[in-house]
Amino acid sequence: MNKRILLIVVGALIYALSVIVVGRMGGAFGLLNHIGLWGAFMILFRYRHTLMRFLLTFRYPMFLVYVVSAFPLMIFEENINCLPSGCRFIIALYGIVRMFRVESLSKVLIPACMTGVLWEATFGVAAAQFQSLPLLQFLYIALWTWMSYAFFTLVPLQYLIEKVRTEAPKA
């Protein structure tokens, strides 16, 4: 594991968090919330394999590493969106990947994020506000919601899929 890359990722996430904190001040800084989370997502997407290899070095039960790796990302993301639904979502995805032995990140991430967007638009806390948006804002918020769900599931799912892929099938 290249420690320099890990330091870059951690440093970038700390920077993104500081951007988000400044963005919480509102006013002209409100856009910084979006920039911070989009930036952090791009960094996680770029270095997801490196972070997955780092997680593979831990010799703890697969479920423990999977859930613990999701917690910092959930806390980071929920600090922006303030909807504590991530824990159930993470555990449901764990069950799906284990039960169906999914071996492709996109086969589980895309449907999961689409489900998250549909959930938020129909039953979520802000469903009424979500549905009353003009079309362009609705599309942006739908994309934002998709990215929010992908943000805290990307690295843990990459780890889990790699573990499932290398795990010996039960006879």
Protein backbone atom coordinates (compact mmCIF):
# COMPACT_ATOMS: atom_id res chain seq x y z
CA MET A 1 0.00 0.00 0.00
CA ASN A 2 1.41 3.35 -1.00
CA LYS A 3 1.26 5.46 2.17
CA ARG A 4 1.61 8.64 0.13
CA ILE A 5 -1.65 7.96 -1.70
CA LEU A 6 -3.41 7.17 1.59
CA LEU A 7 -2.17 10.48 3.04
CA ILE A 8 -3.36 12.32 -0.07
CA VAL A 9 -6.83 10.78 0.22
CA VAL A 10 -7.11 11.46 3.96
CA GLY A 11 -5.80 15.00 3.48
CA ALA A 12 -8.24 15.65 0.65
CA LEU A 13 -11.14 14.37 2.76
CA ILE A 14 -10.10 16.64 5.63
CA TYR A 15 -9.92 19.54 3.18
CA ALA A 16 -13.37 18.65 1.80
CA LEU A 17 -14.75 18.51 5.34
CA SER A 18 -13.38 21.99 6.06
CA VAL A 19 -14.99 23.26 2.84
CA ILE A 20 -18.28 21.76 3.98
CA VAL A 21 -18.01 23.36 7.43
CA VAL A 22 -17.45 26.76 5.81
CA GLY A 23 -20.36 26.00 3.44
CA ARG A 24 -22.64 25.39 6.43
CA MET A 25 -22.28 29.09 7.25
CA GLY A 26 -24.78 29.71 4.46
CA GLY A 27 -25.03 32.72 2.23
CA ALA A 28 -22.47 32.82 -0.54
CA PHE A 29 -20.63 29.88 1.06
CA GLY A 30 -23.60 27.47 0.68
CA LEU A 31 -22.29 26.24 -2.68
CA LEU A 32 -19.13 25.03 -0.94
CA ASN A 33 -21.13 22.13 0.56
CA HIS A 34 -21.68 20.81 -2.94
CA ILE A 35 -18.10 21.41 -4.05
CA GLY A 36 -16.76 19.64 -0.96
CA LEU A 37 -18.86 16.51 -1.36
CA TRP A 38 -18.38 16.30 -5.13
CA GLY A 39 -14.63 16.72 -4.66
CA ALA A 40 -14.47 14.08 -1.96
CA PHE A 41 -16.54 11.70 -4.12
CA MET A 42 -14.18 12.16 -7.08
CA ILE A 43 -11.18 11.43 -4.85
CA LEU A 44 -12.83 8.31 -3.41
CA PHE A 45 -13.80 7.13 -6.88
CA ARG A 46 -10.26 7.64 -8.17
CA TYR A 47 -8.54 5.86 -5.24
CA ARG A 48 -11.20 3.23 -4.40
CA HIS A 49 -8.93 0.33 -5.38
CA THR A 50 -6.06 1.65 -3.28
CA LEU A 51 -8.35 2.06 -0.28
CA MET A 52 -9.81 -1.40 -0.90
CA ARG A 53 -6.31 -2.94 -0.87
CA PHE A 54 -5.65 -1.12 2.40
CA LEU A 55 -8.85 -2.58 3.90
CA LEU A 56 -7.84 -6.06 2.72
CA THR A 57 -4.80 -5.91 5.02
CA PHE A 58 -7.03 -6.04 8.12
CA ARG A 59 -7.51 -9.54 9.54
CA TYR A 60 -10.91 -8.96 11.11
CA PRO A 61 -14.27 -10.46 10.13
CA MET A 62 -15.49 -9.27 6.74
CA PHE A 63 -18.71 -7.76 8.12
CA LEU A 64 -16.81 -5.74 10.75
CA VAL A 65 -14.33 -4.24 8.26
CA TYR A 66 -17.16 -3.54 5.81
CA VAL A 67 -19.35 -1.69 8.32
CA VAL A 68 -16.50 0.15 10.07
CA SER A 69 -15.12 1.34 6.73
CA ALA A 70 -18.53 2.85 5.93
CA PHE A 71 -18.98 4.75 9.22
CA PRO A 72 -16.57 7.67 8.58
CA LEU A 73 -18.03 8.13 5.10
CA MET A 74 -21.60 8.03 6.44
CA ILE A 75 -20.79 10.57 9.16
CA PHE A 76 -19.09 12.80 6.58
CA GLU A 77 -22.02 12.56 4.16
CA GLU A 78 -24.75 12.84 6.80
CA ASN A 79 -23.10 16.03 8.10
CA ILE A 80 -24.22 17.55 4.81
CA ASN A 81 -27.60 15.92 4.22
CA CYS A 82 -28.65 15.20 7.83
CA LEU A 83 -30.64 12.03 7.04
CA PRO A 84 -29.51 9.10 9.23
CA SER A 85 -30.57 6.24 6.94
CA GLY A 86 -27.16 4.97 5.92
CA CYS A 87 -26.72 2.15 8.46
CA ARG A 88 -29.71 0.12 7.28
CA PHE A 89 -28.73 0.74 3.67
CA ILE A 90 -25.16 -0.51 4.25
CA ILE A 91 -26.37 -3.66 6.02
CA ALA A 92 -28.93 -4.39 3.28
CA LEU A 93 -26.24 -4.07 0.60
CA TYR A 94 -23.99 -6.42 2.59
CA GLY A 95 -26.74 -9.04 2.56
CA ILE A 96 -27.38 -8.62 -1.17
CA VAL A 97 -23.70 -8.93 -2.13
CA ARG A 98 -23.20 -11.97 0.11
CA MET A 99 -26.43 -13.72 -0.89
CA PHE A 100 -26.05 -13.27 -4.65
CA ARG A 101 -22.21 -13.28 -4.70
CA VAL A 102 -22.13 -10.07 -6.77
CA GLU A 103 -18.74 -9.66 -8.43
CA SER A 104 -19.18 -6.30 -10.15
CA LEU A 105 -19.35 -2.97 -8.36
CA SER A 106 -21.62 -1.39 -10.96
CA LYS A 107 -24.15 -4.27 -10.74
CA VAL A 108 -24.87 -3.40 -7.12
CA LEU A 109 -23.96 0.31 -6.88
CA ILE A 110 -26.12 1.64 -9.73
CA PRO A 111 -29.36 -0.12 -8.66
CA ALA A 112 -28.68 0.74 -5.00
CA CYS A 113 -28.21 4.43 -5.77
CA MET A 114 -31.28 4.46 -8.02
CA THR A 115 -33.26 2.90 -5.17
CA GLY A 116 -31.92 5.61 -2.85
CA VAL A 117 -33.05 8.35 -5.22
CA LEU A 118 -36.50 6.79 -5.58
CA TRP A 119 -36.75 6.41 -1.81
CA GLU A 120 -35.81 10.04 -1.16
CA ALA A 121 -38.17 11.30 -3.88
CA THR A 122 -41.18 9.32 -2.64
CA PHE A 123 -40.82 8.48 1.06
CA GLY A 124 -37.80 10.46 2.26
CA VAL A 125 -37.91 13.27 4.79
CA ALA A 126 -37.92 15.94 2.08
CA ALA A 127 -40.08 14.09 -0.46
CA ALA A 128 -42.58 16.95 -0.82
CA GLN A 129 -39.82 19.48 -1.42
CA PHE A 130 -38.05 17.05 -3.75
CA GLN A 131 -41.16 16.63 -5.90
CA SER A 132 -41.99 20.34 -6.08
CA LEU A 133 -38.69 21.36 -7.66
CA PRO A 134 -38.49 22.67 -11.23
CA LEU A 135 -37.13 20.10 -13.69
CA LEU A 136 -33.47 21.21 -13.81
CA GLN A 137 -33.22 21.52 -10.04
CA PHE A 138 -34.97 18.16 -9.65
CA LEU A 139 -32.43 16.54 -11.99
CA TYR A 140 -29.52 18.10 -10.10
CA ILE A 141 -30.89 17.05 -6.70
CA ALA A 142 -31.57 13.53 -8.05
CA LEU A 143 -27.94 13.35 -9.23
CA TRP A 144 -26.80 14.80 -5.90
CA THR A 145 -28.80 12.15 -4.02
CA TRP A 146 -27.39 9.39 -6.24
CA MET A 147 -23.87 10.62 -5.53
CA SER A 148 -24.59 10.87 -1.80
CA TYR A 149 -25.60 7.22 -1.67
CA ALA A 150 -22.61 6.22 -3.80
CA PHE A 151 -20.27 8.28 -1.60
CA PHE A 152 -20.62 6.20 1.53
CA THR A 153 -21.03 2.82 -0.21
CA LEU A 154 -18.32 2.98 -2.89
CA VAL A 155 -15.24 1.92 -0.90
CA PRO A 156 -16.98 -0.55 1.45
CA LEU A 157 -18.67 -2.27 -1.52
CA GLN A 158 -15.38 -2.42 -3.43
CA TYR A 159 -13.83 -4.15 -0.40
CA LEU A 160 -16.75 -6.54 0.05
CA ILE A 161 -16.91 -7.52 -3.62
CA GLU A 162 -13.17 -8.26 -3.62
CA LYS A 163 -13.55 -10.42 -0.50
CA VAL A 164 -16.53 -12.28 -2.03
CA ARG A 165 -14.61 -12.73 -5.30
CA THR A 166 -11.62 -14.30 -3.53
CA GLU A 167 -13.67 -16.30 -1.04
CA ALA A 168 -13.90 -20.01 -1.76
CA PRO A 169 -17.42 -20.96 -2.89
CA LYS A 170 -19.34 -23.25 -0.50
CA ALA A 171 -19.82 -26.77 -1.84
